[in-house]
Amino acid sequence: MASTSRRALRLLSLLGSRARWSLRDLAARLEVSERTVRRDLDVLRELGYPVGTVRGPDGGYRLGSGHTLPPLLFDHDQALAIALALQTAPATVFGLEDDAARALATVRQAMPEALRTAMDSLQVTMLRNYWEFPALPVDPAALTAVGTAVRLRQVLVAELLRPDGTRAAPGDPDFAAPRHLEVHHLVVWAGRWYAVAYDLGEDRWRVHRVDRLHPRHTTRGFAPRDLPGGNLAGFVTSSPDRGDTPAAWQCTGSARLALPADVVARWAPGGSVVEHLDERHCRLTLGAWSWAGIAGILATFDTDLDDLDPPELAAACRELGRRFTAVAGT
């Protein structure tokens, strides 16, 4: 009985996430026979849920209008929190992709139009990274502005902020005119938010940290462009000028690795910086609680490395080598 109840609840959730379902699709999603689905549909009807049958070649089943939920009492920021949580949860908890997508669809259906628009503004691409560390928080207003520009395909006019998040005033040495960006993708990688955009002023593709953008307004629409190489994850992780700075640690050092930047970036700790040098080499800058900690992380890449900086890091590598040699000898 418990199994039947759980299946009926899952069936109800599926019906609420889409306007129409075929019997075959429902059976496939529930991993049961079509006969069992029909029996569970009858259970829902007995419980008072208006499950209707759609006739014709494209027919199936749908949840009737009698089950319309009242608007959920969320404000704008709460709606964004739900959208972000349900889209980013599968990146940290295995096996939630389908459940999170259905939950997002169900909650969205019960929201007023204004909040649905806010949630739709944040279509997020998650890139895998196996070391996750906290990152600086992103201004919800900036995130909404960038997400809306992606969804509506409108050119975003934005200022570039300093690494500490402050704005440069006209006359400052680092002041730059606002950028006109065709933002195509909003990406989360290693705990940081990135806007993948075509910079109209520089006439090239750029990756910008969202927390380094101060959106001002949007202008005309733009047509989609093909990303160089067609690999979104590779483009983001191998772009050397995406605005990253090492996270604050007790010790910070760098080394030149005999591996491509996109390979190192996939496995590098969050808060580190990967700089593309050539097709076979990159520079990794990272931090840890000790020099030995940095040396240990560098060793996990199982490749040749050189040009270590600072000298304390080189000394830690020599000391670890001494220890490992002693262990291997015994």
Protein backbone atom coordinates (compact mmCIF):
# COMPACT_ATOMS: atom_id res chain seq x y z
CA MET A 1 0.00 0.00 0.00
CA ALA A 2 2.83 2.38 0.84
CA SER A 3 4.39 1.70 -2.56
CA THR A 4 1.07 2.48 -4.27
CA SER A 5 0.71 5.73 -2.33
CA ARG A 6 4.22 6.88 -3.20
CA ARG A 7 3.64 6.02 -6.86
CA ALA A 8 0.32 7.90 -6.87
CA LEU A 9 2.03 10.98 -5.42
CA ARG A 10 4.73 10.77 -8.06
CA LEU A 11 2.07 10.38 -10.74
CA LEU A 12 0.29 13.47 -9.42
CA SER A 13 3.57 15.39 -9.53
CA LEU A 14 4.15 14.34 -13.14
CA LEU A 15 0.66 15.39 -14.17
CA GLY A 16 1.19 18.77 -12.54
CA SER A 17 4.47 19.41 -14.36
CA ARG A 18 3.16 19.14 -17.93
CA ALA A 19 -0.07 20.00 -19.75
CA ARG A 20 -0.53 16.50 -21.21
CA TRP A 21 0.99 13.05 -20.79
CA SER A 22 0.62 9.92 -22.92
CA LEU A 23 -0.01 6.64 -21.16
CA ARG A 24 3.23 5.24 -22.56
CA ASP A 25 5.30 8.15 -21.24
CA LEU A 26 3.75 7.92 -17.77
CA ALA A 27 4.45 4.20 -17.61
CA ALA A 28 8.06 4.77 -18.69
CA ARG A 29 8.66 7.52 -16.11
CA LEU A 30 7.09 5.48 -13.29
CA GLU A 31 8.76 2.24 -14.52
CA VAL A 32 5.52 0.28 -14.27
CA SER A 33 3.06 -1.24 -16.74
CA GLU A 34 0.40 0.82 -18.52
CA ARG A 35 -2.24 -1.21 -16.66
CA THR A 36 -0.72 -0.10 -13.32
CA VAL A 37 -0.78 3.53 -14.46
CA ARG A 38 -4.47 3.28 -15.30
CA ARG A 39 -5.14 1.84 -11.83
CA ASP A 40 -3.16 4.68 -10.18
CA LEU A 41 -5.09 7.24 -12.24
CA ASP A 42 -8.30 5.78 -10.87
CA VAL A 43 -6.88 6.11 -7.35
CA LEU A 44 -6.26 9.82 -7.93
CA ARG A 45 -9.79 10.28 -9.26
CA GLU A 46 -11.20 8.56 -6.16
CA LEU A 47 -9.22 11.01 -4.04
CA GLY A 48 -10.90 13.90 -5.83
CA TYR A 49 -8.20 14.94 -8.28
CA PRO A 50 -9.76 15.86 -11.67
CA VAL A 51 -7.66 13.70 -13.99
CA GLY A 52 -9.05 14.11 -17.50
CA THR A 53 -8.65 11.97 -20.61
CA VAL A 54 -7.66 13.66 -23.87
CA ARG A 55 -9.05 11.87 -26.93
CA GLY A 56 -7.45 11.57 -30.36
CA PRO A 57 -4.10 10.46 -31.80
CA ASP A 58 -2.23 12.96 -29.62
CA GLY A 59 -4.35 12.20 -26.60
CA GLY A 60 -3.39 11.15 -23.11
CA TYR A 61 -4.06 12.42 -19.60
CA ARG A 62 -3.99 15.81 -17.93
CA LEU A 63 -4.80 17.36 -14.58
CA GLY A 64 -8.05 19.32 -14.86
CA SER A 65 -8.51 22.97 -14.01
CA GLY A 66 -10.32 22.03 -10.83
CA HIS A 67 -6.92 21.38 -9.26
CA THR A 68 -5.53 24.86 -9.86
CA LEU A 69 -3.42 25.87 -6.89
CA PRO A 70 -3.71 29.40 -5.45
CA PRO A 71 -0.73 31.72 -6.10
CA LEU A 72 2.10 30.91 -3.72
CA LEU A 73 2.95 33.72 -1.31
CA PHE A 74 6.57 34.28 -2.31
CA ASP A 75 8.24 37.61 -2.92
CA HIS A 76 10.69 38.26 -5.77
CA ASP A 77 13.84 37.22 -3.89
CA GLN A 78 12.18 34.07 -2.54
CA ALA A 79 11.22 33.09 -6.08
CA LEU A 80 14.83 33.52 -7.17
CA ALA A 81 16.01 31.45 -4.22
CA ILE A 82 13.70 28.59 -5.22
CA ALA A 83 14.81 28.74 -8.85
CA LEU A 84 18.50 28.73 -7.90
CA ALA A 85 18.15 26.02 -5.25
CA LEU A 86 16.26 23.62 -7.52
CA GLN A 87 18.62 24.18 -10.46
CA THR A 88 21.87 23.91 -8.49
CA ALA A 89 20.88 21.08 -6.10
CA PRO A 90 21.58 18.31 -8.65
CA ALA A 91 25.19 19.49 -8.89
CA THR A 92 25.87 18.61 -5.27
CA VAL A 93 23.45 15.71 -4.62
CA PHE A 94 23.54 12.74 -6.98
CA GLY A 95 20.32 11.58 -8.62
CA LEU A 96 18.15 14.67 -8.12
CA GLU A 97 18.09 15.95 -11.71
CA ASP A 98 14.63 14.63 -12.59
CA ASP A 99 13.06 15.31 -9.20
CA ALA A 100 14.40 18.87 -9.03
CA ALA A 101 13.16 19.63 -12.56
CA ARG A 102 9.67 18.35 -11.74
CA ALA A 103 9.59 20.28 -8.47
CA LEU A 104 10.60 23.48 -10.25
CA ALA A 105 7.89 22.97 -12.86
CA THR A 106 5.25 22.32 -10.19
CA VAL A 107 6.16 25.36 -8.09
CA ARG A 108 6.38 27.55 -11.18
CA GLN A 109 2.88 26.53 -12.25
CA ALA A 110 1.43 27.77 -8.96
CA MET A 111 3.12 31.19 -9.05
CA PRO A 112 1.74 34.47 -10.37
CA GLU A 113 2.97 35.57 -13.79
CA ALA A 114 5.43 38.15 -12.43
CA LEU A 115 7.21 35.58 -10.25
CA ARG A 116 7.23 33.01 -13.05
CA THR A 117 8.99 35.57 -15.22
CA ALA A 118 11.56 36.16 -12.48
CA MET A 119 12.24 32.44 -12.15
CA ASP A 120 12.49 32.02 -15.93
CA SER A 121 15.18 34.70 -16.00
CA LEU A 122 17.60 32.32 -14.31
CA GLN A 123 18.27 29.45 -16.68
CA VAL A 124 21.52 28.12 -15.21
CA THR A 125 24.19 25.85 -16.68
CA MET A 126 26.07 23.89 -14.01
CA LEU A 127 29.65 22.80 -14.75
CA ARG A 128 31.12 19.97 -12.72
CA ASN A 129 33.92 20.71 -10.28
CA TYR A 130 35.03 18.20 -7.66
CA TRP A 131 36.40 20.68 -5.12
CA GLU A 132 33.77 23.12 -3.94
CA PHE A 133 34.65 26.07 -1.68
CA PRO A 134 32.53 29.06 -0.70
CA ALA A 135 32.57 32.00 -3.09
CA LEU A 136 31.65 35.64 -2.68
CA PRO A 137 27.88 36.24 -2.80
CA VAL A 138 26.35 37.63 -5.98
CA ASP A 139 23.98 40.60 -5.98
CA PRO A 140 20.48 39.20 -6.80
CA ALA A 141 19.73 42.31 -8.87
CA ALA A 142 22.80 41.72 -11.05
CA LEU A 143 21.95 38.04 -11.39
CA THR A 144 18.39 38.88 -12.44
CA ALA A 145 19.58 41.47 -14.96
CA VAL A 146 22.04 39.07 -16.57
CA GLY A 147 19.53 36.21 -16.58
CA THR A 148 16.87 38.41 -18.16
CA ALA A 149 19.31 39.54 -20.86
CA VAL A 150 20.00 35.87 -21.66
CA ARG A 151 16.32 34.92 -21.75
CA LEU A 152 15.19 37.90 -23.85
CA ARG A 153 18.40 38.00 -25.95
CA GLN A 154 18.92 41.70 -25.35
CA VAL A 155 22.28 43.48 -25.32
CA LEU A 156 23.33 44.16 -21.73
CA VAL A 157 25.10 47.42 -20.95
CA ALA A 158 27.24 46.89 -17.84
CA GLU A 159 30.20 48.37 -16.02
CA LEU A 160 33.12 46.17 -14.96
CA LEU A 161 33.74 46.32 -11.21
CA ARG A 162 37.07 46.09 -9.43
CA PRO A 163 38.04 42.74 -7.83
CA ASP A 164 36.77 44.05 -4.47
CA GLY A 165 33.36 44.84 -5.99
CA THR A 166 33.72 48.65 -6.05
CA ARG A 167 33.05 50.86 -9.06
CA ALA A 168 35.77 52.96 -10.71
CA ALA A 169 34.84 56.60 -11.29
CA PRO A 170 35.70 58.60 -14.44
CA GLY A 171 39.26 59.80 -14.07
CA ASP A 172 40.43 56.76 -12.09
CA PRO A 173 43.33 54.86 -13.70
CA ASP A 174 41.26 51.67 -13.95
CA PHE A 175 38.05 53.31 -15.19
CA ALA A 176 36.59 51.76 -18.34
CA ALA A 177 33.54 52.65 -20.40
CA PRO A 178 30.49 50.39 -19.96
CA ARG A 179 30.54 47.20 -22.01
CA HIS A 180 27.87 46.24 -24.52
CA LEU A 181 27.46 42.48 -24.11
CA GLU A 182 25.43 39.89 -26.00
CA VAL A 183 25.09 37.47 -23.08
CA HIS A 184 24.37 33.96 -24.38
CA HIS A 185 24.86 31.81 -21.28
CA LEU A 186 24.69 32.03 -17.48
CA VAL A 187 27.05 29.45 -15.96
CA VAL A 188 27.86 28.23 -12.44
CA TRP A 189 31.29 26.68 -11.97
CA ALA A 190 33.29 26.06 -8.79
CA GLY A 191 30.87 28.17 -6.75
CA ARG A 192 31.15 31.20 -9.05
CA TRP A 193 28.70 32.75 -11.52
CA TYR A 194 29.85 33.58 -15.05
CA ALA A 195 28.26 35.37 -18.00
CA VAL A 196 29.42 34.04 -21.36
CA ALA A 197 29.01 36.94 -23.76
CA TYR A 198 30.06 38.40 -27.07
CA ASP A 199 31.62 41.81 -26.34
CA LEU A 200 30.51 44.17 -29.11
CA GLY A 201 33.20 46.74 -28.23
CA GLU A 202 36.06 44.24 -28.39
CA ASP A 203 34.42 42.18 -31.15
CA ARG A 204 35.19 38.89 -29.39
CA TRP A 205 33.81 36.38 -26.92
CA ARG A 206 34.44 37.00 -23.22
CA VAL A 207 33.70 35.31 -19.90
CA HIS A 208 32.78 37.71 -17.08
CA ARG A 209 32.26 37.04 -13.40
CA VAL A 210 28.71 38.14 -12.59
CA ASP A 211 29.86 39.58 -9.26
CA ARG A 212 32.21 41.84 -11.27
CA LEU A 213 29.37 43.24 -13.42
CA HIS A 214 27.22 46.27 -12.61
CA PRO A 215 24.30 46.08 -15.08
CA ARG A 216 22.86 49.42 -16.14
CA HIS A 217 20.22 48.64 -18.77
CA THR A 218 19.50 46.59 -21.88
CA THR A 219 19.18 47.74 -25.46
CA ARG A 220 18.25 46.08 -28.75
CA GLY A 221 17.90 42.37 -29.30
CA PHE A 222 20.54 40.15 -30.88
CA ALA A 223 20.72 36.97 -32.92
CA PRO A 224 22.35 33.82 -31.50
CA ARG A 225 26.04 33.28 -32.26
CA ASP A 226 28.01 30.04 -32.31
CA LEU A 227 30.44 29.74 -29.42
CA PRO A 228 34.04 29.11 -30.58
CA GLY A 229 34.67 25.38 -30.45
CA GLY A 230 31.06 24.71 -29.48
CA ASN A 231 32.09 23.54 -25.99
CA LEU A 232 30.63 25.78 -23.28
CA ALA A 233 32.37 24.06 -20.36
CA GLY A 234 35.74 24.04 -22.12
CA PHE A 235 35.42 27.68 -23.12
CA VAL A 236 34.65 28.85 -19.59
CA THR A 237 37.28 26.77 -17.83
CA SER A 238 40.06 27.62 -20.30
CA SER A 239 39.43 31.37 -20.57
CA PRO A 240 42.34 33.06 -18.77
CA ASP A 241 40.72 36.51 -18.45
CA ARG A 242 37.43 35.59 -16.79
CA GLY A 243 38.23 37.76 -13.75
CA ASP A 244 39.13 35.09 -11.19
CA THR A 245 41.40 35.85 -8.26
CA PRO A 246 42.63 33.26 -5.75
CA ALA A 247 40.50 32.76 -2.67
CA ALA A 248 41.89 34.11 0.60
CA TRP A 249 44.06 31.46 2.28
CA GLN A 250 46.95 31.40 4.74
CA CYS A 251 49.25 30.39 1.89
CA THR A 252 48.90 31.08 -1.84
CA GLY A 253 51.26 29.75 -4.54
CA SER A 254 51.40 28.79 -8.20
CA ALA A 255 53.08 26.33 -10.56
CA ARG A 256 53.32 25.59 -14.27
CA LEU A 257 51.70 22.22 -15.08
CA ALA A 258 52.23 20.08 -18.17
CA LEU A 259 48.49 19.74 -18.78
CA PRO A 260 45.94 21.73 -20.83
CA ALA A 261 44.04 24.43 -18.96
CA ASP A 262 40.62 22.84 -19.48
CA VAL A 263 41.80 19.56 -17.90
CA VAL A 264 43.30 21.27 -14.86
CA ALA A 265 40.31 23.59 -14.47
CA ARG A 266 37.94 20.64 -14.27
CA TRP A 267 39.71 19.25 -11.22
CA ALA A 268 41.17 22.37 -9.63
CA PRO A 269 39.83 23.47 -6.23
CA GLY A 270 37.16 26.15 -6.20
CA GLY A 271 38.71 29.55 -5.66
CA SER A 272 41.84 28.70 -7.66
CA VAL A 273 42.89 30.35 -10.93
CA VAL A 274 43.85 28.43 -14.08
CA GLU A 275 45.75 30.40 -16.73
CA HIS A 276 46.09 29.05 -20.28
CA LEU A 277 49.72 29.14 -21.46
CA ASP A 278 49.67 26.93 -24.56
CA GLU A 279 47.93 23.78 -25.78
CA ARG A 280 49.89 21.56 -23.36
CA HIS A 281 50.65 23.83 -20.40
CA CYS A 282 48.86 26.05 -17.92
CA ARG A 283 49.58 27.88 -14.67
CA LEU A 284 47.58 26.99 -11.57
CA THR A 285 47.36 29.45 -8.67
CA LEU A 286 45.71 28.16 -5.52
CA GLY A 287 45.67 28.46 -1.77
CA ALA A 288 45.63 26.19 1.28
CA TRP A 289 46.19 26.29 5.03
CA SER A 290 49.86 25.32 4.56
CA TRP A 291 52.53 25.17 1.86
CA ALA A 292 52.49 21.39 2.18
CA GLY A 293 48.75 21.51 1.48
CA ILE A 294 49.34 23.30 -1.83
CA ALA A 295 52.15 20.88 -2.73
CA GLY A 296 49.85 17.94 -1.98
CA ILE A 297 47.09 19.28 -4.25
CA LEU A 298 49.60 19.89 -7.05
CA ALA A 299 50.74 16.27 -6.73
CA THR A 300 47.18 15.01 -7.38
CA PHE A 301 47.44 16.16 -11.01
CA ASP A 302 50.09 13.45 -11.63
CA THR A 303 52.10 15.48 -14.14
CA ASP A 304 55.40 17.33 -14.46
CA LEU A 305 55.45 20.81 -12.98
CA ASP A 306 57.99 23.62 -12.69
CA ASP A 307 58.33 27.37 -12.15
CA LEU A 308 57.01 27.19 -8.59
CA ASP A 309 56.32 30.42 -6.75
CA PRO A 310 57.03 31.47 -4.02
CA PRO A 311 60.21 29.77 -2.71
CA GLU A 312 58.26 28.44 0.31
CA LEU A 313 56.17 26.30 -2.04
CA ALA A 314 59.28 24.87 -3.70
CA ALA A 315 60.70 24.06 -0.24
CA ALA A 316 57.46 22.28 0.72
CA CYS A 317 57.63 20.15 -2.46
CA ARG A 318 61.22 19.16 -1.64
CA GLU A 319 60.20 18.22 1.91
CA LEU A 320 57.26 16.11 0.68
CA GLY A 321 59.61 14.43 -1.81
CA ARG A 322 61.99 13.58 1.01
CA ARG A 323 59.17 12.09 3.08
CA PHE A 324 57.79 10.03 0.20
CA THR A 325 61.24 8.77 -0.71
CA ALA A 326 61.73 7.62 2.87
CA VAL A 327 58.37 5.82 2.85
CA ALA A 328 59.10 4.15 -0.52
CA GLY A 329 62.44 2.94 0.80
CA THR A 330 60.79 1.07 3.66
